[in-house]
Amino acid sequence: MVFLPLKRDKLQAAWEGPHIILDKLDNVTYVVARSGKRPKTVHVNMLKPHFNRNDVVFWISSVEGSPEDPEEPVMYGDWDGEAGVEELCLPDHLPSQDKNKLLAALKDFGTAFSN
């Protein structure tokens, strides 16, 4: 993924991609291929890895209720993206062993999350 300025406003930027890295010019400069456009030279701080998601994330299914009266899914946890994973408030009904597994997974895949 490449962080590039938007066409309509050069002071705003957004993540684009995934793109292929064509060349490494030095330790911090890369050439990135963009579909249908010229290759772009970017600094390493404008790049982040792309992870394919093959599984459905946060899928909640329920036999209760009816199609006329769908229930809103409940999202647990309270995280503003600024605090570390250790400070994440997890629900009390989750067993401590599961909490530890969840925190370990969040730490292992920390590069997949961004602010």
PDB file of N, CA and C in Angstrom:
ATOM      1  N   MET A   1       0.845  -1.151   0.000  1.00  0.00           N
ATOM      2  CA  MET A   1       0.000   0.000   0.000  1.00  0.00           C
ATOM      3  C   MET A   1       0.904   1.231   0.000  1.00  0.00           C
ATOM      4  N   VAL A   2       0.488   2.252  -0.742  1.00  0.00           N
ATOM      5  CA  VAL A   2       1.271   3.476  -0.867  1.00  0.00           C
ATOM      6  C   VAL A   2       0.409   4.652  -0.423  1.00  0.00           C
ATOM      7  N   PHE A   3       0.975   5.538   0.377  1.00  0.00           N
ATOM      8  CA  PHE A   3       0.283   6.730   0.859  1.00  0.00           C
ATOM      9  C   PHE A   3       0.604   7.869  -0.091  1.00  0.00           C
ATOM     10  N   LEU A   4      -0.372   8.278  -0.911  1.00  0.00           N
ATOM     11  CA  LEU A   4      -0.142   9.293  -1.943  1.00  0.00           C
ATOM     12  C   LEU A   4      -1.145  10.435  -1.829  1.00  0.00           C
ATOM     13  N   PRO A   5      -0.756  11.644  -2.294  1.00  0.00           N
ATOM     14  CA  PRO A   5      -1.686  12.779  -2.294  1.00  0.00           C
ATOM     15  C   PRO A   5      -2.875  12.514  -3.215  1.00  0.00           C
ATOM     16  N   LEU A   6      -4.024  13.094  -2.869  1.00  0.00           N
ATOM     17  CA  LEU A   6      -5.216  12.969  -3.700  1.00  0.00           C
ATOM     18  C   LEU A   6      -5.133  13.940  -4.870  1.00  0.00           C
ATOM     19  N   LYS A   7      -5.766  13.594  -5.993  1.00  0.00           N
ATOM     20  CA  LYS A   7      -5.735  14.457  -7.171  1.00  0.00           C
ATOM     21  C   LYS A   7      -6.441  15.784  -6.917  1.00  0.00           C
ATOM     22  N   ARG A   8      -7.578  15.740  -6.205  1.00  0.00           N
ATOM     23  CA  ARG A   8      -8.380  16.952  -6.031  1.00  0.00           C
ATOM     24  C   ARG A   8      -7.788  17.911  -5.001  1.00  0.00           C
ATOM     25  N   ASP A   9      -6.985  17.394  -4.060  1.00  0.00           N
ATOM     26  CA  ASP A   9      -6.391  18.242  -3.032  1.00  0.00           C
ATOM     27  C   ASP A   9      -5.025  17.674  -2.664  1.00  0.00           C
ATOM     28  N   LYS A  10      -3.974  18.346  -3.067  1.00  0.00           N
ATOM     29  CA  LYS A  10      -2.611  17.842  -2.857  1.00  0.00           C
ATOM     30  C   LYS A  10      -2.206  17.814  -1.382  1.00  0.00           C
ATOM     31  N   LEU A  11      -2.942  18.546  -0.523  1.00  0.00           N
ATOM     32  CA  LEU A  11      -2.620  18.541   0.900  1.00  0.00           C
ATOM     33  C   LEU A  11      -3.258  17.372   1.643  1.00  0.00           C
ATOM     34  N   GLN A  12      -4.147  16.645   0.980  1.00  0.00           N
ATOM     35  CA  GLN A  12      -4.749  15.449   1.566  1.00  0.00           C
ATOM     36  C   GLN A  12      -4.162  14.219   0.883  1.00  0.00           C
ATOM     37  N   ALA A  13      -4.086  13.130   1.622  1.00  0.00           N
ATOM     38  CA  ALA A  13      -3.523  11.898   1.065  1.00  0.00           C
ATOM     39  C   ALA A  13      -4.352  10.705   1.520  1.00  0.00           C
ATOM     40  N   ALA A  14      -4.199   9.592   0.792  1.00  0.00           N
ATOM     41  CA  ALA A  14      -4.921   8.359   1.121  1.00  0.00           C
ATOM     42  C   ALA A  14      -4.071   7.167   0.703  1.00  0.00           C
ATOM     43  N   TRP A  15      -4.364   6.015   1.327  1.00  0.00           N
ATOM     44  CA  TRP A  15      -3.663   4.782   0.966  1.00  0.00           C
ATOM     45  C   TRP A  15      -4.205   4.257  -0.353  1.00  0.00           C
ATOM     46  N   GLU A  16      -3.307   3.884  -1.268  1.00  0.00           N
ATOM     47  CA  GLU A  16      -3.667   3.284  -2.552  1.00  0.00           C
ATOM     48  C   GLU A  16      -2.991   1.926  -2.646  1.00  0.00           C
ATOM     49  N   GLY A  17      -3.615   1.041  -3.389  1.00  0.00           N
ATOM     50  CA  GLY A  17      -2.936  -0.215  -3.640  1.00  0.00           C
ATOM     51  C   GLY A  17      -3.811  -1.416  -3.411  1.00  0.00           C
ATOM     52  N   PRO A  18      -3.215  -2.543  -3.430  1.00  0.00           N
ATOM     53  CA  PRO A  18      -1.786  -2.835  -3.344  1.00  0.00           C
ATOM     54  C   PRO A  18      -1.063  -2.595  -4.665  1.00  0.00           C
ATOM     55  N   HIS A  19       0.195  -2.209  -4.557  1.00  0.00           N
ATOM     56  CA  HIS A  19       1.055  -1.999  -5.712  1.00  0.00           C
ATOM     57  C   HIS A  19       2.291  -2.892  -5.578  1.00  0.00           C
ATOM     58  N   ILE A  20       2.988  -3.070  -6.678  1.00  0.00           N
ATOM     59  CA  ILE A  20       4.188  -3.913  -6.695  1.00  0.00           C
ATOM     60  C   ILE A  20       5.423  -3.025  -6.613  1.00  0.00           C
ATOM     61  N   ILE A  21       6.373  -3.402  -5.764  1.00  0.00           N
ATOM     62  CA  ILE A  21       7.638  -2.673  -5.669  1.00  0.00           C
ATOM     63  C   ILE A  21       8.542  -3.173  -6.785  1.00  0.00           C
ATOM     64  N   LEU A  22       8.939  -2.251  -7.668  1.00  0.00           N
ATOM     65  CA  LEU A  22       9.769  -2.608  -8.815  1.00  0.00           C
ATOM     66  C   LEU A  22      11.252  -2.622  -8.472  1.00  0.00           C
ATOM     67  N   ASP A  23      11.686  -1.656  -7.650  1.00  0.00           N
ATOM     68  CA  ASP A  23      13.117  -1.516  -7.412  1.00  0.00           C
ATOM     69  C   ASP A  23      13.359  -0.853  -6.058  1.00  0.00           C
ATOM     70  N   LYS A  24      14.477  -1.194  -5.454  1.00  0.00           N
ATOM     71  CA  LYS A  24      14.918  -0.542  -4.221  1.00  0.00           C
ATOM     72  C   LYS A  24      16.128   0.297  -4.586  1.00  0.00           C
ATOM     73  N   LEU A  25      15.980   1.633  -4.548  1.00  0.00           N
ATOM     74  CA  LEU A  25      17.060   2.523  -4.957  1.00  0.00           C
ATOM     75  C   LEU A  25      18.130   2.652  -3.876  1.00  0.00           C
ATOM     76  N   ASP A  26      17.716   2.744  -2.628  1.00  0.00           N
ATOM     77  CA  ASP A  26      18.633   2.720  -1.489  1.00  0.00           C
ATOM     78  C   ASP A  26      17.862   2.181  -0.282  1.00  0.00           C
ATOM     79  N   ASN A  27      18.373   2.401   0.920  1.00  0.00           N
ATOM     80  CA  ASN A  27      17.734   1.814   2.105  1.00  0.00           C
ATOM     81  C   ASN A  27      16.336   2.346   2.383  1.00  0.00           C
ATOM     82  N   VAL A  28      16.016   3.546   1.898  1.00  0.00           N
ATOM     83  CA  VAL A  28      14.729   4.155   2.239  1.00  0.00           C
ATOM     84  C   VAL A  28      13.917   4.609   1.029  1.00  0.00           C
ATOM     85  N   THR A  29      14.384   4.352  -0.185  1.00  0.00           N
ATOM     86  CA  THR A  29      13.693   4.818  -1.389  1.00  0.00           C
ATOM     87  C   THR A  29      13.354   3.644  -2.293  1.00  0.00           C
ATOM     88  N   TYR A  30      12.085   3.586  -2.717  1.00  0.00           N
ATOM     89  CA  TYR A  30      11.594   2.487  -3.545  1.00  0.00           C
ATOM     90  C   TYR A  30      10.871   3.031  -4.768  1.00  0.00           C
ATOM     91  N   VAL A  31      10.870   2.230  -5.856  1.00  0.00           N
ATOM     92  CA  VAL A  31      10.087   2.538  -7.051  1.00  0.00           C
ATOM     93  C   VAL A  31       8.899   1.586  -7.052  1.00  0.00           C
ATOM     94  N   VAL A  32       7.681   2.163  -7.143  1.00  0.00           N
ATOM     95  CA  VAL A  32       6.444   1.400  -7.031  1.00  0.00           C
ATOM     96  C   VAL A  32       5.691   1.462  -8.348  1.00  0.00           C
ATOM     97  N   ALA A  33       5.245   0.296  -8.841  1.00  0.00           N
ATOM     98  CA  ALA A  33       4.435   0.232 -10.064  1.00  0.00           C
ATOM     99  C   ALA A  33       2.990   0.543  -9.703  1.00  0.00           C
ATOM    100  N   ARG A  34       2.353   1.401 -10.510  1.00  0.00           N
ATOM    101  CA  ARG A  34       0.936   1.717 -10.309  1.00  0.00           C
ATOM    102  C   ARG A  34       0.200   1.329 -11.575  1.00  0.00           C
ATOM    103  N   SER A  35      -0.957   0.721 -11.434  1.00  0.00           N
ATOM    104  CA  SER A  35      -1.699   0.223 -12.598  1.00  0.00           C
ATOM    105  C   SER A  35      -2.132   1.380 -13.494  1.00  0.00           C
ATOM    106  N   GLY A  36      -1.731   1.320 -14.762  1.00  0.00           N
ATOM    107  CA  GLY A  36      -2.121   2.314 -15.753  1.00  0.00           C
ATOM    108  C   GLY A  36      -1.425   3.653 -15.604  1.00  0.00           C
ATOM    109  N   LYS A  37      -0.438   3.756 -14.735  1.00  0.00           N
ATOM    110  CA  LYS A  37       0.259   5.025 -14.510  1.00  0.00           C
ATOM    111  C   LYS A  37       1.760   4.789 -14.514  1.00  0.00           C
ATOM    112  N   ARG A  38       2.503   5.896 -14.535  1.00  0.00           N
ATOM    113  CA  ARG A  38       3.960   5.796 -14.470  1.00  0.00           C
ATOM    114  C   ARG A  38       4.393   5.289 -13.098  1.00  0.00           C
ATOM    115  N   PRO A  39       5.526   4.601 -13.037  1.00  0.00           N
ATOM    116  CA  PRO A  39       6.040   4.187 -11.728  1.00  0.00           C
ATOM    117  C   PRO A  39       6.334   5.413 -10.863  1.00  0.00           C
ATOM    118  N   LYS A  40       6.199   5.254  -9.566  1.00  0.00           N
ATOM    119  CA  LYS A  40       6.375   6.366  -8.631  1.00  0.00           C
ATOM    120  C   LYS A  40       7.507   6.032  -7.673  1.00  0.00           C
ATOM    121  N   THR A  41       8.401   7.000  -7.429  1.00  0.00           N
ATOM    122  CA  THR A  41       9.468   6.847  -6.454  1.00  0.00           C
ATOM    123  C   THR A  41       8.961   7.373  -5.122  1.00  0.00           C
ATOM    124  N   VAL A  42       9.033   6.526  -4.087  1.00  0.00           N
ATOM    125  CA  VAL A  42       8.490   6.902  -2.780  1.00  0.00           C
ATOM    126  C   VAL A  42       9.467   6.557  -1.661  1.00  0.00           C
ATOM    127  N   HIS A  43       9.336   7.283  -0.560  1.00  0.00           N
ATOM    128  CA  HIS A  43      10.113   7.017   0.647  1.00  0.00           C
ATOM    129  C   HIS A  43       9.468   5.859   1.402  1.00  0.00           C
ATOM    130  N   VAL A  44      10.246   5.136   2.167  1.00  0.00           N
ATOM    131  CA  VAL A  44       9.765   3.954   2.877  1.00  0.00           C
ATOM    132  C   VAL A  44       8.633   4.292   3.857  1.00  0.00           C
ATOM    133  N   ASN A  45       8.611   5.518   4.403  1.00  0.00           N
ATOM    134  CA  ASN A  45       7.546   5.853   5.348  1.00  0.00           C
ATOM    135  C   ASN A  45       6.204   6.079   4.657  1.00  0.00           C
ATOM    136  N   MET A  46       6.174   6.039   3.320  1.00  0.00           N
ATOM    137  CA  MET A  46       4.922   6.147   2.569  1.00  0.00           C
ATOM    138  C   MET A  46       4.415   4.768   2.145  1.00  0.00           C
ATOM    139  N   LEU A  47       5.037   3.700   2.640  1.00  0.00           N
ATOM    140  CA  LEU A  47       4.656   2.330   2.289  1.00  0.00           C
ATOM    141  C   LEU A  47       4.191   1.570   3.525  1.00  0.00           C
ATOM    142  N   LYS A  48       3.286   0.622   3.308  1.00  0.00           N
ATOM    143  CA  LYS A  48       2.950  -0.338   4.358  1.00  0.00           C
ATOM    144  C   LYS A  48       2.565  -1.640   3.676  1.00  0.00           C
ATOM    145  N   PRO A  49       2.769  -2.770   4.359  1.00  0.00           N
ATOM    146  CA  PRO A  49       2.471  -4.065   3.733  1.00  0.00           C
ATOM    147  C   PRO A  49       0.975  -4.262   3.536  1.00  0.00           C
ATOM    148  N   HIS A  50       0.630  -5.033   2.518  1.00  0.00           N
ATOM    149  CA  HIS A  50      -0.770  -5.367   2.244  1.00  0.00           C
ATOM    150  C   HIS A  50      -0.989  -6.816   2.636  1.00  0.00           C
ATOM    151  N   PHE A  51      -2.071  -7.091   3.364  1.00  0.00           N
ATOM    152  CA  PHE A  51      -2.408  -8.439   3.779  1.00  0.00           C
ATOM    153  C   PHE A  51      -3.752  -8.812   3.179  1.00  0.00           C
ATOM    154  N   ASN A  52      -3.794  -9.924   2.438  1.00  0.00           N
ATOM    155  CA  ASN A  52      -5.066 -10.414   1.899  1.00  0.00           C
ATOM    156  C   ASN A  52      -5.894 -10.990   3.030  1.00  0.00           C
ATOM    157  N   ARG A  53      -7.176 -10.695   3.004  1.00  0.00           N
ATOM    158  CA  ARG A  53      -8.088 -11.256   3.995  1.00  0.00           C
ATOM    159  C   ARG A  53      -8.981 -12.257   3.299  1.00  0.00           C
ATOM    160  N   ASN A  54      -8.713 -13.528   3.546  1.00  0.00           N
ATOM    161  CA  ASN A  54      -9.504 -14.585   2.932  1.00  0.00           C
ATOM    162  C   ASN A  54     -10.709 -14.958   3.780  1.00  0.00           C
ATOM    163  N   ASP A  55     -10.621 -14.731   5.082  1.00  0.00           N
ATOM    164  CA  ASP A  55     -11.706 -15.098   5.984  1.00  0.00           C
ATOM    165  C   ASP A  55     -12.633 -13.910   6.196  1.00  0.00           C
ATOM    166  N   VAL A  56     -13.871 -14.209   6.531  1.00  0.00           N
ATOM    167  CA  VAL A  56     -14.823 -13.161   6.878  1.00  0.00           C
ATOM    168  C   VAL A  56     -14.460 -12.659   8.270  1.00  0.00           C
ATOM    169  N   VAL A  57     -14.325 -11.353   8.416  1.00  0.00           N
ATOM    170  CA  VAL A  57     -13.910 -10.773   9.679  1.00  0.00           C
ATOM    171  C   VAL A  57     -15.125 -10.227  10.413  1.00  0.00           C
ATOM    172  N   PHE A  58     -15.267 -10.597  11.675  1.00  0.00           N
ATOM    173  CA  PHE A  58     -16.323 -10.111  12.550  1.00  0.00           C
ATOM    174  C   PHE A  58     -17.708 -10.473  12.040  1.00  0.00           C
ATOM    175  N   TRP A  59     -17.861 -11.676  11.520  1.00  0.00           N
ATOM    176  CA  TRP A  59     -19.158 -12.144  11.023  1.00  0.00           C
ATOM    177  C   TRP A  59     -19.967 -12.642  12.202  1.00  0.00           C
ATOM    178  N   ILE A  60     -21.186 -12.126  12.341  1.00  0.00           N
ATOM    179  CA  ILE A  60     -22.074 -12.546  13.419  1.00  0.00           C
ATOM    180  C   ILE A  60     -23.358 -13.050  12.788  1.00  0.00           C
ATOM    181  N   SER A  61     -23.701 -14.304  13.054  1.00  0.00           N
ATOM    182  CA  SER A  61     -24.959 -14.832  12.535  1.00  0.00           C
ATOM    183  C   SER A  61     -25.814 -15.278  13.713  1.00  0.00           C
ATOM    184  N   SER A  62     -27.108 -15.163  13.538  1.00  0.00           N
ATOM    185  CA  SER A  62     -28.017 -15.503  14.621  1.00  0.00           C
ATOM    186  C   SER A  62     -29.286 -16.098  14.044  1.00  0.00           C
ATOM    187  N   VAL A  63     -29.822 -17.113  14.724  1.00  0.00           N
ATOM    188  CA  VAL A  63     -31.091 -17.689  14.304  1.00  0.00           C
ATOM    189  C   VAL A  63     -32.252 -16.942  14.936  1.00  0.00           C
ATOM    190  N   GLU A  64     -31.954 -16.156  15.957  1.00  0.00           N
ATOM    191  CA  GLU A  64     -33.004 -15.389  16.610  1.00  0.00           C
ATOM    192  C   GLU A  64     -33.375 -14.181  15.765  1.00  0.00           C
ATOM    193  N   GLY A  65     -34.571 -13.657  15.977  1.00  0.00           N
ATOM    194  CA  GLY A  65     -35.016 -12.482  15.241  1.00  0.00           C
ATOM    195  C   GLY A  65     -35.609 -12.874  13.907  1.00  0.00           C
ATOM    196  N   SER A  66     -35.996 -11.895  13.148  1.00  0.00           N
ATOM    197  CA  SER A  66     -36.590 -12.140  11.843  1.00  0.00           C
ATOM    198  C   SER A  66     -36.008 -11.158  10.838  1.00  0.00           C
ATOM    199  N   PRO A  67     -36.136 -11.434   9.528  1.00  0.00           N
ATOM    200  CA  PRO A  67     -35.607 -10.502   8.529  1.00  0.00           C
ATOM    201  C   PRO A  67     -36.248  -9.114   8.624  1.00  0.00           C
ATOM    202  N   GLU A  68     -37.490  -9.050   9.127  1.00  0.00           N
ATOM    203  CA  GLU A  68     -38.149  -7.756   9.257  1.00  0.00           C
ATOM    204  C   GLU A  68     -37.593  -6.958  10.439  1.00  0.00           C
ATOM    205  N   ASP A  69     -37.016  -7.664  11.402  1.00  0.00           N
ATOM    206  CA  ASP A  69     -36.527  -7.028  12.619  1.00  0.00           C
ATOM    207  C   ASP A  69     -35.078  -7.445  12.878  1.00  0.00           C
ATOM    208  N   PRO A  70     -34.135  -7.021  12.018  1.00  0.00           N
ATOM    209  CA  PRO A  70     -32.744  -7.443  12.225  1.00  0.00           C
ATOM    210  C   PRO A  70     -32.139  -6.744  13.441  1.00  0.00           C
ATOM    211  N   GLU A  71     -31.264  -7.463  14.125  1.00  0.00           N
ATOM    212  CA  GLU A  71     -30.584  -6.893  15.279  1.00  0.00           C
ATOM    213  C   GLU A  71     -29.242  -6.324  14.837  1.00  0.00           C
ATOM    214  N   GLU A  72     -28.822  -5.264  15.500  1.00  0.00           N
ATOM    215  CA  GLU A  72     -27.512  -4.684  15.227  1.00  0.00           C
ATOM    216  C   GLU A  72     -26.441  -5.582  15.847  1.00  0.00           C
ATOM    217  N   PRO A  73     -25.335  -5.847  15.141  1.00  0.00           N
ATOM    218  CA  PRO A  73     -24.268  -6.648  15.740  1.00  0.00           C
ATOM    219  C   PRO A  73     -23.624  -5.898  16.908  1.00  0.00           C
ATOM    220  N   VAL A  74     -23.204  -6.636  17.905  1.00  0.00           N
ATOM    221  CA  VAL A  74     -22.566  -6.048  19.073  1.00  0.00           C
ATOM    222  C   VAL A  74     -21.065  -6.106  18.865  1.00  0.00           C
ATOM    223  N   MET A  75     -20.401  -4.962  18.940  1.00  0.00           N
ATOM    224  CA  MET A  75     -18.959  -4.889  18.778  1.00  0.00           C
ATOM    225  C   MET A  75     -18.352  -4.699  20.169  1.00  0.00           C
ATOM    226  N   TYR A  76     -17.520  -5.643  20.597  1.00  0.00           N
ATOM    227  CA  TYR A  76     -16.930  -5.577  21.920  1.00  0.00           C
ATOM    228  C   TYR A  76     -15.572  -4.905  21.859  1.00  0.00           C
ATOM    229  N   GLY A  77     -15.169  -4.381  22.989  1.00  0.00           N
ATOM    230  CA  GLY A  77     -13.868  -3.758  23.089  1.00  0.00           C
ATOM    231  C   GLY A  77     -13.989  -2.251  22.966  1.00  0.00           C
ATOM    232  N   ASP A  78     -13.042  -1.556  23.534  1.00  0.00           N
ATOM    233  CA  ASP A  78     -13.031  -0.110  23.509  1.00  0.00           C
ATOM    234  C   ASP A  78     -11.603   0.311  23.205  1.00  0.00           C
ATOM    235  N   TRP A  79     -11.339   0.662  21.954  1.00  0.00           N
ATOM    236  CA  TRP A  79      -9.987   1.007  21.545  1.00  0.00           C
ATOM    237  C   TRP A  79     -10.049   2.175  20.603  1.00  0.00           C
ATOM    238  N   ASP A  80      -9.354   3.247  20.939  1.00  0.00           N
ATOM    239  CA  ASP A  80      -9.379   4.442  20.102  1.00  0.00           C
ATOM    240  C   ASP A  80      -8.250   4.473  19.084  1.00  0.00           C
ATOM    241  N   GLY A  81      -7.396   3.453  19.060  1.00  0.00           N
ATOM    242  CA  GLY A  81      -6.313   3.391  18.089  1.00  0.00           C
ATOM    243  C   GLY A  81      -5.055   4.100  18.554  1.00  0.00           C
ATOM    244  N   GLU A  82      -5.126   4.879  19.624  1.00  0.00           N
ATOM    245  CA  GLU A  82      -3.965   5.603  20.127  1.00  0.00           C
ATOM    246  C   GLU A  82      -3.225   4.796  21.194  1.00  0.00           C
ATOM    247  N   ALA A  83      -3.954   4.104  22.035  1.00  0.00           N
ATOM    248  CA  ALA A  83      -3.350   3.341  23.122  1.00  0.00           C
ATOM    249  C   ALA A  83      -2.743   2.049  22.582  1.00  0.00           C
ATOM    250  N   GLY A  84      -1.874   1.446  23.383  1.00  0.00           N
ATOM    251  CA  GLY A  84      -1.279   0.183  22.985  1.00  0.00           C
ATOM    252  C   GLY A  84      -2.245  -0.971  23.161  1.00  0.00           C
ATOM    253  N   VAL A  85      -1.878  -2.115  22.614  1.00  0.00           N
ATOM    254  CA  VAL A  85      -2.724  -3.306  22.695  1.00  0.00           C
ATOM    255  C   VAL A  85      -2.916  -3.727  24.150  1.00  0.00           C
ATOM    256  N   GLU A  86      -1.896  -3.510  24.988  1.00  0.00           N
ATOM    257  CA  GLU A  86      -1.983  -3.911  26.389  1.00  0.00           C
ATOM    258  C   GLU A  86      -3.091  -3.155  27.122  1.00  0.00           C
ATOM    259  N   GLU A  87      -3.431  -1.953  26.649  1.00  0.00           N
ATOM    260  CA  GLU A  87      -4.432  -1.121  27.316  1.00  0.00           C
ATOM    261  C   GLU A  87      -5.838  -1.346  26.769  1.00  0.00           C
ATOM    262  N   LEU A  88      -6.003  -2.296  25.874  1.00  0.00           N
ATOM    263  CA  LEU A  88      -7.312  -2.591  25.297  1.00  0.00           C
ATOM    264  C   LEU A  88      -8.235  -3.171  26.360  1.00  0.00           C
ATOM    265  N   CYS A  89      -9.447  -2.628  26.469  1.00  0.00           N
ATOM    266  CA  CYS A  89     -10.432  -3.110  27.451  1.00  0.00           C
ATOM    267  C   CYS A  89     -11.249  -4.230  26.821  1.00  0.00           C
ATOM    268  N   LEU A  90     -11.037  -5.446  27.282  1.00  0.00           N
ATOM    269  CA  LEU A  90     -11.755  -6.598  26.749  1.00  0.00           C
ATOM    270  C   LEU A  90     -12.947  -6.918  27.647  1.00  0.00           C
ATOM    271  N   PRO A  91     -14.000  -7.541  27.101  1.00  0.00           N
ATOM    272  CA  PRO A  91     -15.192  -7.840  27.900  1.00  0.00           C
ATOM    273  C   PRO A  91     -14.887  -8.792  29.059  1.00  0.00           C
ATOM    274  N   ASP A  92     -15.604  -8.596  30.165  1.00  0.00           N
ATOM    275  CA  ASP A  92     -15.378  -9.391  31.379  1.00  0.00           C
ATOM    276  C   ASP A  92     -15.786 -10.851  31.222  1.00  0.00           C
ATOM    277  N   HIS A  93     -16.760 -11.133  30.354  1.00  0.00           N
ATOM    278  CA  HIS A  93     -17.232 -12.516  30.221  1.00  0.00           C
ATOM    279  C   HIS A  93     -16.253 -13.399  29.442  1.00  0.00           C
ATOM    280  N   LEU A  94     -15.224 -12.807  28.846  1.00  0.00           N
ATOM    281  CA  LEU A  94     -14.228 -13.571  28.094  1.00  0.00           C
ATOM    282  C   LEU A  94     -13.255 -14.219  29.080  1.00  0.00           C
ATOM    283  N   PRO A  95     -13.052 -15.538  29.014  1.00  0.00           N
ATOM    284  CA  PRO A  95     -12.112 -16.201  29.931  1.00  0.00           C
ATOM    285  C   PRO A  95     -10.700 -15.640  29.772  1.00  0.00           C
ATOM    286  N   SER A  96      -9.933 -15.636  30.862  1.00  0.00           N
ATOM    287  CA  SER A  96      -8.595 -15.039  30.840  1.00  0.00           C
ATOM    288  C   SER A  96      -7.675 -15.735  29.835  1.00  0.00           C
ATOM    289  N   GLN A  97      -7.849 -17.037  29.632  1.00  0.00           N
ATOM    290  CA  GLN A  97      -7.035 -17.760  28.653  1.00  0.00           C
ATOM    291  C   GLN A  97      -7.318 -17.233  27.244  1.00  0.00           C
ATOM    292  N   ASP A  98      -8.601 -16.978  26.939  1.00  0.00           N
ATOM    293  CA  ASP A  98      -8.962 -16.439  25.630  1.00  0.00           C
ATOM    294  C   ASP A  98      -8.480 -15.001  25.472  1.00  0.00           C
ATOM    295  N   LYS A  99      -8.520 -14.229  26.561  1.00  0.00           N
ATOM    296  CA  LYS A  99      -8.008 -12.857  26.512  1.00  0.00           C
ATOM    297  C   LYS A  99      -6.523 -12.863  26.164  1.00  0.00           C
ATOM    298  N   ASN A 100      -5.774 -13.778  26.798  1.00  0.00           N
ATOM    299  CA  ASN A 100      -4.337 -13.869  26.533  1.00  0.00           C
ATOM    300  C   ASN A 100      -4.065 -14.263  25.087  1.00  0.00           C
ATOM    301  N   LYS A 101      -4.856 -15.204  24.551  1.00  0.00           N
ATOM    302  CA  LYS A 101      -4.694 -15.615  23.152  1.00  0.00           C
ATOM    303  C   LYS A 101      -4.987 -14.452  22.211  1.00  0.00           C
ATOM    304  N   LEU A 102      -6.046 -13.694  22.510  1.00  0.00           N
ATOM    305  CA  LEU A 102      -6.422 -12.556  21.679  1.00  0.00           C
ATOM    306  C   LEU A 102      -5.344 -11.482  21.698  1.00  0.00           C
ATOM    307  N   LEU A 103      -4.839 -11.154  22.871  1.00  0.00           N
ATOM    308  CA  LEU A 103      -3.783 -10.148  22.977  1.00  0.00           C
ATOM    309  C   LEU A 103      -2.515 -10.598  22.260  1.00  0.00           C
ATOM    310  N   ALA A 104      -2.182 -11.886  22.354  1.00  0.00           N
ATOM    311  CA  ALA A 104      -1.002 -12.407  21.657  1.00  0.00           C
ATOM    312  C   ALA A 104      -1.173 -12.293  20.147  1.00  0.00           C
ATOM    313  N   ALA A 105      -2.366 -12.606  19.645  1.00  0.00           N
ATOM    314  CA  ALA A 105      -2.620 -12.494  18.204  1.00  0.00           C
ATOM    315  C   ALA A 105      -2.551 -11.041  17.750  1.00  0.00           C
ATOM    316  N   LEU A 106      -3.088 -10.117  18.543  1.00  0.00           N
ATOM    317  CA  LEU A 106      -3.033  -8.700  18.190  1.00  0.00           C
ATOM    318  C   LEU A 106      -1.594  -8.194  18.145  1.00  0.00           C
ATOM    319  N   LYS A 107      -0.762  -8.669  19.070  1.00  0.00           N
ATOM    320  CA  LYS A 107       0.647  -8.270  19.066  1.00  0.00           C
ATOM    321  C   LYS A 107       1.379  -8.860  17.863  1.00  0.00           C
ATOM    322  N   ASP A 108       1.095 -10.127  17.528  1.00  0.00           N
ATOM    323  CA  ASP A 108       1.767 -10.787  16.410  1.00  0.00           C
ATOM    324  C   ASP A 108       1.444 -10.126  15.076  1.00  0.00           C
ATOM    325  N   PHE A 109       0.209  -9.637  14.927  1.00  0.00           N
ATOM    326  CA  PHE A 109      -0.217  -9.047  13.667  1.00  0.00           C
ATOM    327  C   PHE A 109      -0.397  -7.538  13.797  1.00  0.00           C
ATOM    328  N   GLY A 110       0.407  -6.911  14.623  1.00  0.00           N
ATOM    329  CA  GLY A 110       0.307  -5.473  14.853  1.00  0.00           C
ATOM    330  C   GLY A 110       0.516  -4.632  13.608  1.00  0.00           C
ATOM    331  N   THR A 111       1.295  -5.137  12.648  1.00  0.00           N
ATOM    332  CA  THR A 111       1.525  -4.364  11.419  1.00  0.00           C
ATOM    333  C   THR A 111       0.296  -4.314  10.531  1.00  0.00           C
ATOM    334  N   ALA A 112      -0.686  -5.169  10.782  1.00  0.00           N
ATOM    335  CA  ALA A 112      -1.907  -5.160   9.966  1.00  0.00           C
ATOM    336  C   ALA A 112      -2.868  -4.069  10.415  1.00  0.00           C
ATOM    337  N   PHE A 113      -2.629  -3.489  11.594  1.00  0.00           N
ATOM    338  CA  PHE A 113      -3.505  -2.449  12.119  1.00  0.00           C
ATOM    339  C   PHE A 113      -2.806  -1.106  12.016  1.00  0.00           C
ATOM    340  N   SER A 114      -3.566  -0.065  11.701  1.00  0.00           N
ATOM    341  CA  SER A 114      -2.986   1.272  11.650  1.00  0.00           C
ATOM    342  C   SER A 114      -3.964   2.270  12.234  1.00  0.00           C
ATOM    343  N   ASN A 115      -3.453   3.433  12.622  1.00  0.00           N
ATOM    344  CA  ASN A 115      -4.312   4.476  13.200  1.00  0.00           C
ATOM    345  C   ASN A 115      -5.014   5.228  12.106  1.00  0.00           C
TER     346      ASN A 115
END
